[in-house]
Amino acid sequence: MAGVVHIPWYATGLRKDKLADALTGIAPVALRYGATSYAVYRSQDDRYKFLQMAAFDEHRDWERYWNGPEFIDFRVLTSSWYQVPVLYVWNDLIASGTLEPEAANHVAAGVAGTELNG
C-alpha cells in the first residue's frame, strides 16, 4: 500500500544550517529508491526543527532507502548534527490531491468551471 514516511529531525546547537543543507542533499536520493515525491520542511517557529517526507508505493522501497549506503553515510557523517533517536513513521496514504498551476490561477481569479460572457 502506498504511503508517506515522516521523519522528524531536530538539530543540535548551532548545527541547524548544516543539517538543513545535508537534508537537502539526502532527500532527493529517495527518488532513486522508488519514491514518487519528497519534501523537507523547516519550522518557522523553531529553526532547529525539520520534517522530511517521502512518498513510496511500497514500504520495502522505503526500507531500501533508509538502509541504503547513501543514508547510512548521511547518518554517520551528520550524527552529531541532530538529536537521537530519530523515530520515523510510515503513514498509509488514504487520500491526496494537487492543484495544477494553471488551474490554480483560474480558481484564484474566480473563473474555474465558468464561461466568460462579455
N, C-alpha and C. Protein backbone atom coordinates (compact mmCIF):
# COMPACT_ATOMS: atom_id res chain seq x y z
N MET A 1 0.84 -1.18 0.00
CA MET A 1 0.00 0.00 0.00
C MET A 1 0.89 1.24 0.00
N ALA A 2 0.51 2.23 -0.79
CA ALA A 2 1.26 3.47 -0.87
C ALA A 2 1.24 4.20 0.47
N GLY A 3 2.32 4.90 0.74
CA GLY A 3 2.41 5.63 1.99
C GLY A 3 3.41 6.76 1.93
N VAL A 4 3.39 7.54 2.98
CA VAL A 4 4.32 8.65 3.13
C VAL A 4 5.03 8.49 4.46
N VAL A 5 6.33 8.57 4.42
CA VAL A 5 7.13 8.48 5.64
C VAL A 5 7.42 9.89 6.14
N HIS A 6 7.19 10.10 7.43
CA HIS A 6 7.53 11.36 8.08
C HIS A 6 8.74 11.10 8.97
N ILE A 7 9.79 11.87 8.77
CA ILE A 7 10.99 11.74 9.58
C ILE A 7 11.23 13.09 10.27
N PRO A 8 10.97 13.16 11.57
CA PRO A 8 11.24 14.40 12.29
C PRO A 8 12.71 14.50 12.69
N TRP A 9 13.33 15.59 12.36
CA TRP A 9 14.73 15.84 12.72
C TRP A 9 14.76 17.06 13.63
N TYR A 10 15.65 17.04 14.61
CA TYR A 10 15.85 18.21 15.46
C TYR A 10 17.34 18.46 15.58
N ALA A 11 17.79 19.60 15.05
CA ALA A 11 19.21 19.92 15.02
C ALA A 11 19.75 20.22 16.41
N THR A 12 21.01 19.88 16.61
CA THR A 12 21.69 20.21 17.85
C THR A 12 22.28 21.61 17.74
N GLY A 13 22.73 22.15 18.85
CA GLY A 13 23.20 23.53 18.94
C GLY A 13 24.09 23.99 17.81
N LEU A 14 23.70 25.07 17.19
CA LEU A 14 24.45 25.76 16.13
C LEU A 14 24.68 24.91 14.88
N ARG A 15 23.94 23.82 14.71
CA ARG A 15 24.12 22.98 13.53
C ARG A 15 22.88 22.96 12.64
N LYS A 16 21.95 23.85 12.89
CA LYS A 16 20.70 23.85 12.13
C LYS A 16 20.91 24.10 10.64
N ASP A 17 21.82 24.97 10.28
CA ASP A 17 22.05 25.25 8.87
C ASP A 17 22.80 24.11 8.19
N LYS A 18 23.73 23.49 8.91
CA LYS A 18 24.43 22.33 8.36
C LYS A 18 23.46 21.18 8.12
N LEU A 19 22.56 20.96 9.09
CA LEU A 19 21.58 19.89 8.93
C LEU A 19 20.63 20.21 7.77
N ALA A 20 20.23 21.45 7.64
CA ALA A 20 19.36 21.85 6.53
C ALA A 20 20.02 21.52 5.19
N ASP A 21 21.28 21.85 5.05
CA ASP A 21 21.99 21.55 3.80
C ASP A 21 22.10 20.05 3.56
N ALA A 22 22.40 19.30 4.62
CA ALA A 22 22.54 17.85 4.48
C ALA A 22 21.21 17.20 4.10
N LEU A 23 20.11 17.64 4.70
CA LEU A 23 18.80 17.09 4.37
C LEU A 23 18.41 17.43 2.93
N THR A 24 18.80 18.61 2.49
CA THR A 24 18.54 19.00 1.10
C THR A 24 19.28 18.07 0.14
N GLY A 25 20.41 17.55 0.56
CA GLY A 25 21.18 16.63 -0.28
C GLY A 25 20.68 15.20 -0.25
N ILE A 26 20.24 14.71 0.91
CA ILE A 26 19.83 13.31 1.02
C ILE A 26 18.39 13.09 0.57
N ALA A 27 17.53 14.06 0.70
CA ALA A 27 16.10 13.88 0.38
C ALA A 27 15.85 13.42 -1.06
N PRO A 28 16.47 14.04 -2.08
CA PRO A 28 16.17 13.61 -3.45
C PRO A 28 16.69 12.21 -3.79
N VAL A 29 17.58 11.68 -2.99
CA VAL A 29 18.09 10.32 -3.21
C VAL A 29 16.94 9.31 -3.11
N ALA A 30 15.90 9.65 -2.40
CA ALA A 30 14.73 8.76 -2.26
C ALA A 30 14.15 8.40 -3.63
N LEU A 31 14.25 9.30 -4.59
CA LEU A 31 13.72 9.02 -5.93
C LEU A 31 14.43 7.84 -6.58
N ARG A 32 15.70 7.65 -6.28
CA ARG A 32 16.46 6.50 -6.82
C ARG A 32 15.94 5.17 -6.27
N TYR A 33 15.25 5.23 -5.14
CA TYR A 33 14.76 4.02 -4.49
C TYR A 33 13.26 3.82 -4.69
N GLY A 34 12.68 4.56 -5.60
CA GLY A 34 11.28 4.35 -5.93
C GLY A 34 10.31 5.35 -5.33
N ALA A 35 10.80 6.37 -4.64
CA ALA A 35 9.89 7.38 -4.10
C ALA A 35 9.22 8.13 -5.25
N THR A 36 7.97 8.48 -5.04
CA THR A 36 7.25 9.26 -6.04
C THR A 36 7.35 10.75 -5.77
N SER A 37 7.71 11.11 -4.55
CA SER A 37 7.93 12.51 -4.21
C SER A 37 8.70 12.59 -2.89
N TYR A 38 9.25 13.76 -2.64
CA TYR A 38 9.93 14.01 -1.37
C TYR A 38 9.77 15.48 -1.03
N ALA A 39 9.92 15.80 0.23
CA ALA A 39 9.88 17.19 0.69
C ALA A 39 10.62 17.29 2.01
N VAL A 40 11.19 18.44 2.26
CA VAL A 40 11.79 18.74 3.56
C VAL A 40 11.25 20.10 3.99
N TYR A 41 10.70 20.14 5.18
CA TYR A 41 10.15 21.37 5.74
C TYR A 41 10.98 21.80 6.93
N ARG A 42 11.11 23.12 7.09
CA ARG A 42 11.79 23.69 8.25
C ARG A 42 10.80 24.59 8.98
N SER A 43 10.66 24.39 10.25
CA SER A 43 9.71 25.16 11.04
C SER A 43 10.11 26.63 11.09
N GLN A 44 9.12 27.49 10.98
CA GLN A 44 9.38 28.92 11.14
C GLN A 44 9.39 29.32 12.62
N ASP A 45 8.71 28.54 13.44
CA ASP A 45 8.67 28.83 14.87
C ASP A 45 9.92 28.34 15.60
N ASP A 46 10.49 27.25 15.13
CA ASP A 46 11.67 26.65 15.75
C ASP A 46 12.62 26.24 14.63
N ARG A 47 13.62 27.06 14.36
CA ARG A 47 14.50 26.87 13.20
C ARG A 47 15.38 25.62 13.31
N TYR A 48 15.34 24.92 14.45
CA TYR A 48 16.09 23.68 14.63
C TYR A 48 15.26 22.46 14.26
N LYS A 49 13.98 22.66 13.98
CA LYS A 49 13.05 21.55 13.75
C LYS A 49 12.78 21.38 12.25
N PHE A 50 12.94 20.13 11.77
CA PHE A 50 12.75 19.79 10.37
C PHE A 50 11.81 18.60 10.25
N LEU A 51 11.10 18.53 9.14
CA LEU A 51 10.28 17.37 8.83
C LEU A 51 10.61 16.95 7.41
N GLN A 52 11.15 15.75 7.28
CA GLN A 52 11.43 15.17 5.97
C GLN A 52 10.29 14.22 5.63
N MET A 53 9.81 14.28 4.39
CA MET A 53 8.73 13.41 3.95
C MET A 53 9.13 12.77 2.62
N ALA A 54 8.74 11.52 2.45
CA ALA A 54 8.96 10.83 1.19
C ALA A 54 7.80 9.88 0.95
N ALA A 55 7.26 9.90 -0.26
CA ALA A 55 6.13 9.04 -0.62
C ALA A 55 6.64 7.85 -1.43
N PHE A 56 6.18 6.68 -1.06
CA PHE A 56 6.57 5.44 -1.74
C PHE A 56 5.32 4.61 -2.03
N ASP A 57 5.36 3.86 -3.12
CA ASP A 57 4.27 2.92 -3.42
C ASP A 57 4.38 1.67 -2.56
N GLU A 58 5.61 1.30 -2.22
CA GLU A 58 5.85 0.07 -1.45
C GLU A 58 6.72 0.38 -0.23
N HIS A 59 6.36 -0.19 0.90
CA HIS A 59 7.12 0.01 2.14
C HIS A 59 8.55 -0.50 1.99
N ARG A 60 8.74 -1.56 1.24
CA ARG A 60 10.08 -2.13 1.09
C ARG A 60 11.03 -1.15 0.39
N ASP A 61 10.49 -0.29 -0.50
CA ASP A 61 11.34 0.71 -1.15
C ASP A 61 11.82 1.75 -0.14
N TRP A 62 10.96 2.10 0.80
CA TRP A 62 11.36 2.99 1.89
C TRP A 62 12.50 2.36 2.69
N GLU A 63 12.36 1.10 3.02
CA GLU A 63 13.39 0.41 3.81
C GLU A 63 14.72 0.36 3.05
N ARG A 64 14.65 0.17 1.73
CA ARG A 64 15.88 0.16 0.93
C ARG A 64 16.55 1.53 0.97
N TYR A 65 15.77 2.59 0.92
CA TYR A 65 16.30 3.96 1.00
C TYR A 65 16.91 4.22 2.38
N TRP A 66 16.17 3.95 3.45
CA TRP A 66 16.63 4.22 4.80
C TRP A 66 17.89 3.41 5.14
N ASN A 67 17.97 2.18 4.66
CA ASN A 67 19.10 1.31 4.95
C ASN A 67 20.14 1.27 3.83
N GLY A 68 19.96 2.10 2.82
CA GLY A 68 20.90 2.16 1.70
C GLY A 68 22.20 2.85 2.07
N PRO A 69 23.21 2.68 1.25
CA PRO A 69 24.53 3.25 1.57
C PRO A 69 24.54 4.78 1.70
N GLU A 70 23.72 5.46 0.91
CA GLU A 70 23.70 6.93 0.98
C GLU A 70 23.18 7.41 2.33
N PHE A 71 22.08 6.78 2.80
CA PHE A 71 21.52 7.23 4.07
C PHE A 71 22.36 6.76 5.25
N ILE A 72 23.01 5.62 5.13
CA ILE A 72 23.93 5.19 6.19
C ILE A 72 25.08 6.19 6.29
N ASP A 73 25.65 6.57 5.15
CA ASP A 73 26.72 7.57 5.16
C ASP A 73 26.23 8.90 5.73
N PHE A 74 25.02 9.30 5.36
CA PHE A 74 24.43 10.54 5.88
C PHE A 74 24.39 10.50 7.41
N ARG A 75 23.87 9.41 7.95
CA ARG A 75 23.74 9.32 9.41
C ARG A 75 25.10 9.28 10.10
N VAL A 76 26.08 8.62 9.49
CA VAL A 76 27.42 8.58 10.08
C VAL A 76 28.05 9.97 10.08
N LEU A 77 27.98 10.66 8.95
CA LEU A 77 28.63 11.96 8.81
C LEU A 77 27.95 13.07 9.60
N THR A 78 26.64 12.94 9.82
CA THR A 78 25.89 14.02 10.47
C THR A 78 25.38 13.64 11.86
N SER A 79 25.86 12.56 12.42
CA SER A 79 25.29 12.03 13.66
C SER A 79 25.31 13.02 14.82
N SER A 80 26.21 13.96 14.83
CA SER A 80 26.24 14.93 15.93
C SER A 80 25.43 16.19 15.59
N TRP A 81 24.80 16.21 14.43
CA TRP A 81 24.06 17.40 13.99
C TRP A 81 22.58 17.35 14.36
N TYR A 82 22.11 16.21 14.87
CA TYR A 82 20.70 16.07 15.21
C TYR A 82 20.54 15.22 16.46
N GLN A 83 19.38 15.40 17.10
CA GLN A 83 19.10 14.65 18.32
C GLN A 83 18.62 13.24 17.97
N VAL A 84 19.01 12.30 18.80
CA VAL A 84 18.57 10.92 18.64
C VAL A 84 17.68 10.55 19.82
N PRO A 85 16.79 9.61 19.66
CA PRO A 85 16.60 8.81 18.46
C PRO A 85 15.78 9.55 17.40
N VAL A 86 15.95 9.11 16.16
CA VAL A 86 15.14 9.60 15.06
C VAL A 86 14.05 8.55 14.85
N LEU A 87 12.83 8.92 15.12
CA LEU A 87 11.71 7.98 15.06
C LEU A 87 10.81 8.32 13.88
N TYR A 88 11.04 7.65 12.77
CA TYR A 88 10.23 7.90 11.58
C TYR A 88 8.91 7.14 11.69
N VAL A 89 7.92 7.58 10.92
CA VAL A 89 6.59 6.97 10.94
C VAL A 89 6.13 6.75 9.51
N TRP A 90 5.71 5.52 9.20
CA TRP A 90 5.09 5.20 7.91
C TRP A 90 3.61 5.51 8.04
N ASN A 91 3.08 6.29 7.12
CA ASN A 91 1.66 6.65 7.10
C ASN A 91 1.04 6.11 5.83
N ASP A 92 -0.03 5.31 5.94
CA ASP A 92 -0.74 4.85 4.75
C ASP A 92 -1.43 6.03 4.09
N LEU A 93 -1.34 6.09 2.78
CA LEU A 93 -1.98 7.15 2.03
C LEU A 93 -3.44 6.76 1.78
N ILE A 94 -4.37 7.54 2.29
CA ILE A 94 -5.78 7.22 2.09
C ILE A 94 -6.49 8.27 1.22
N ALA A 95 -5.89 9.43 1.03
CA ALA A 95 -6.44 10.44 0.13
C ALA A 95 -5.35 11.44 -0.20
N SER A 96 -5.38 11.97 -1.40
CA SER A 96 -4.43 13.01 -1.77
C SER A 96 -5.00 13.82 -2.93
N GLY A 97 -4.39 14.91 -3.22
CA GLY A 97 -4.81 15.74 -4.33
C GLY A 97 -3.81 16.84 -4.56
N THR A 98 -3.85 17.38 -5.74
CA THR A 98 -3.00 18.51 -6.08
C THR A 98 -3.80 19.46 -6.95
N LEU A 99 -3.32 20.65 -7.07
CA LEU A 99 -3.93 21.63 -7.93
C LEU A 99 -2.85 22.07 -8.91
N GLU A 100 -3.10 21.84 -10.17
CA GLU A 100 -2.12 22.22 -11.19
C GLU A 100 -2.00 23.74 -11.24
N PRO A 101 -0.81 24.25 -11.53
CA PRO A 101 -0.60 25.71 -11.51
C PRO A 101 -1.59 26.47 -12.39
N GLU A 102 -1.88 25.99 -13.60
CA GLU A 102 -2.81 26.68 -14.50
C GLU A 102 -4.21 26.71 -13.88
N ALA A 103 -4.65 25.59 -13.33
CA ALA A 103 -5.97 25.53 -12.69
C ALA A 103 -6.00 26.43 -11.47
N ALA A 104 -4.91 26.49 -10.75
CA ALA A 104 -4.86 27.34 -9.55
C ALA A 104 -5.05 28.80 -9.92
N ASN A 105 -4.47 29.23 -11.04
CA ASN A 105 -4.62 30.61 -11.47
C ASN A 105 -6.07 30.93 -11.79
N HIS A 106 -6.78 29.99 -12.43
CA HIS A 106 -8.18 30.21 -12.75
C HIS A 106 -9.05 30.23 -11.49
N VAL A 107 -8.77 29.36 -10.58
CA VAL A 107 -9.54 29.33 -9.33
C VAL A 107 -9.32 30.64 -8.57
N ALA A 108 -8.08 31.09 -8.53
CA ALA A 108 -7.79 32.33 -7.81
C ALA A 108 -8.50 33.52 -8.46
N ALA A 109 -8.65 33.45 -9.78
CA ALA A 109 -9.33 34.55 -10.47
C ALA A 109 -10.85 34.39 -10.44
N GLY A 110 -11.33 33.26 -9.93
CA GLY A 110 -12.77 33.05 -9.81
C GLY A 110 -13.43 32.60 -11.09
N VAL A 111 -12.66 32.00 -12.02
CA VAL A 111 -13.22 31.61 -13.31
C VAL A 111 -13.20 30.12 -13.55
N ALA A 112 -12.84 29.33 -12.57
CA ALA A 112 -12.78 27.88 -12.75
C ALA A 112 -14.18 27.33 -13.02
N GLY A 113 -14.31 26.61 -14.11
CA GLY A 113 -15.57 25.93 -14.41
C GLY A 113 -16.69 26.87 -14.84
N THR A 114 -16.37 28.10 -15.21
CA THR A 114 -17.42 29.02 -15.66
C THR A 114 -17.07 29.53 -17.04
N GLU A 115 -18.08 29.92 -17.77
CA GLU A 115 -17.90 30.53 -19.08
C GLU A 115 -17.87 32.04 -18.91
N LEU A 116 -16.98 32.68 -19.61
CA LEU A 116 -16.92 34.13 -19.55
C LEU A 116 -17.80 34.70 -20.67
N ASN A 117 -18.74 35.52 -20.31
CA ASN A 117 -19.60 36.16 -21.29
C ASN A 117 -19.22 37.64 -21.35
N GLY A 118 -19.20 38.12 -22.54
CA GLY A 118 -18.95 39.50 -22.50
C GLY A 118 -18.52 40.12 -23.70
